[in-house]
């Protein structure tokens, strides 16, 4: 193997590593957006509804379509709002 062939192989490996790192970064960005959408949006809805309730709007309800703890928290919020009303 000549030095030029070795340099070409090294360049190829550097490019391959760069592509792999780019794919990993893209995956992390997409994963972060998914986490934001799945977790933070329902929390934001609860926060907004809590603020509305504290301003005296007793008809405020929250709609969280989830079968996990956030959905349970939304149901509990609605029960609390109903009992206050």
Protein backbone atom coordinates (compact mmCIF):
# COMPACT_ATOMS: atom_id res chain seq x y z
CA UNK A 1 0.00 0.00 0.00
CA UNK A 2 1.29 3.40 -0.93
CA UNK A 3 1.05 6.49 1.20
CA UNK A 4 -1.60 7.93 -1.16
CA UNK A 5 -3.81 4.87 -0.72
CA UNK A 6 -3.43 5.10 3.04
CA UNK A 7 -4.35 8.83 2.93
CA UNK A 8 -7.43 8.03 0.83
CA UNK A 9 -8.50 5.34 3.30
CA UNK A 10 -8.01 7.73 6.21
CA UNK A 11 -10.05 10.43 4.43
CA UNK A 12 -12.80 7.89 3.78
CA UNK A 13 -12.85 6.89 7.44
CA UNK A 14 -12.96 10.53 8.54
CA UNK A 15 -15.90 11.16 6.20
CA UNK A 16 -17.65 8.02 7.44
CA UNK A 17 -17.16 9.07 11.06
CA UNK A 18 -18.49 12.53 10.22
CA UNK A 19 -21.63 11.06 8.66
CA UNK A 20 -22.17 8.75 11.62
CA UNK A 21 -21.77 11.65 14.07
CA UNK A 22 -24.21 13.72 11.99
CA UNK A 23 -26.78 10.93 12.10
CA UNK A 24 -26.34 10.58 15.87
CA UNK A 25 -26.81 14.32 16.36
CA UNK A 26 -29.94 14.29 14.18
CA UNK A 27 -31.31 11.34 16.16
CA UNK A 28 -30.74 13.19 19.44
CA UNK A 29 -32.49 16.30 18.13
CA UNK A 30 -35.50 14.26 16.99
CA UNK A 31 -35.55 12.37 20.29
CA UNK A 32 -35.50 15.66 22.20
CA UNK A 33 -38.40 17.01 20.17
CA UNK A 34 -40.39 13.83 20.81
CA UNK A 35 -39.75 14.09 24.55
CA UNK A 36 -40.82 17.74 24.43
CA UNK A 37 -44.04 16.86 22.68
CA UNK A 38 -44.90 13.84 24.80
CA UNK A 39 -44.04 15.23 28.23
CA UNK A 40 -43.81 18.99 28.20
CA UNK A 41 -46.94 19.81 26.19
CA UNK A 42 -49.30 18.15 28.72
CA UNK A 43 -47.45 19.88 31.56
CA UNK A 44 -47.89 23.20 29.74
CA UNK A 45 -51.62 22.49 29.38
CA UNK A 46 -51.86 21.80 33.11
CA UNK A 47 -49.95 24.97 33.90
CA UNK A 48 -52.20 27.08 31.67
CA UNK A 49 -55.34 25.52 33.15
CA UNK A 50 -54.06 26.02 36.70
CA UNK A 51 -53.47 29.68 35.97
CA UNK A 52 -56.97 30.03 34.53
CA UNK A 53 -58.46 28.37 37.61
CA UNK A 54 -56.48 30.64 39.93
CA UNK A 55 -57.89 33.68 38.07
CA UNK A 56 -61.37 32.52 39.00
CA UNK A 57 -62.38 30.74 35.80
CA UNK A 58 -64.01 27.75 37.50
CA UNK A 59 -65.14 26.25 34.19
CA UNK A 60 -61.54 25.50 33.26
CA UNK A 61 -60.80 21.89 32.38
CA UNK A 62 -57.75 20.25 30.90
CA UNK A 63 -57.76 17.63 28.15
CA UNK A 64 -54.79 15.29 28.28
CA UNK A 65 -55.13 12.19 26.14
CA UNK A 66 -52.70 9.89 27.89
CA UNK A 67 -52.83 6.67 29.86
CA UNK A 68 -49.87 7.46 32.06
CA UNK A 69 -49.22 9.64 35.10
CA UNK A 70 -49.81 12.84 33.13
CA UNK A 71 -53.25 11.64 32.05
CA UNK A 72 -54.03 10.73 35.64
CA UNK A 73 -52.87 14.16 36.78
CA UNK A 74 -55.15 15.77 34.19
CA UNK A 75 -58.11 13.73 35.40
CA UNK A 76 -57.32 14.68 38.99
CA UNK A 77 -57.13 18.35 38.00
CA UNK A 78 -60.55 18.13 36.36
CA UNK A 79 -61.99 16.42 39.46
CA UNK A 80 -60.52 19.15 41.65
CA UNK A 81 -61.92 21.89 39.40
CA UNK A 82 -65.34 20.24 39.46
CA UNK A 83 -65.33 20.00 43.26
CA UNK A 84 -64.36 23.68 43.59
CA UNK A 85 -67.14 24.72 41.26
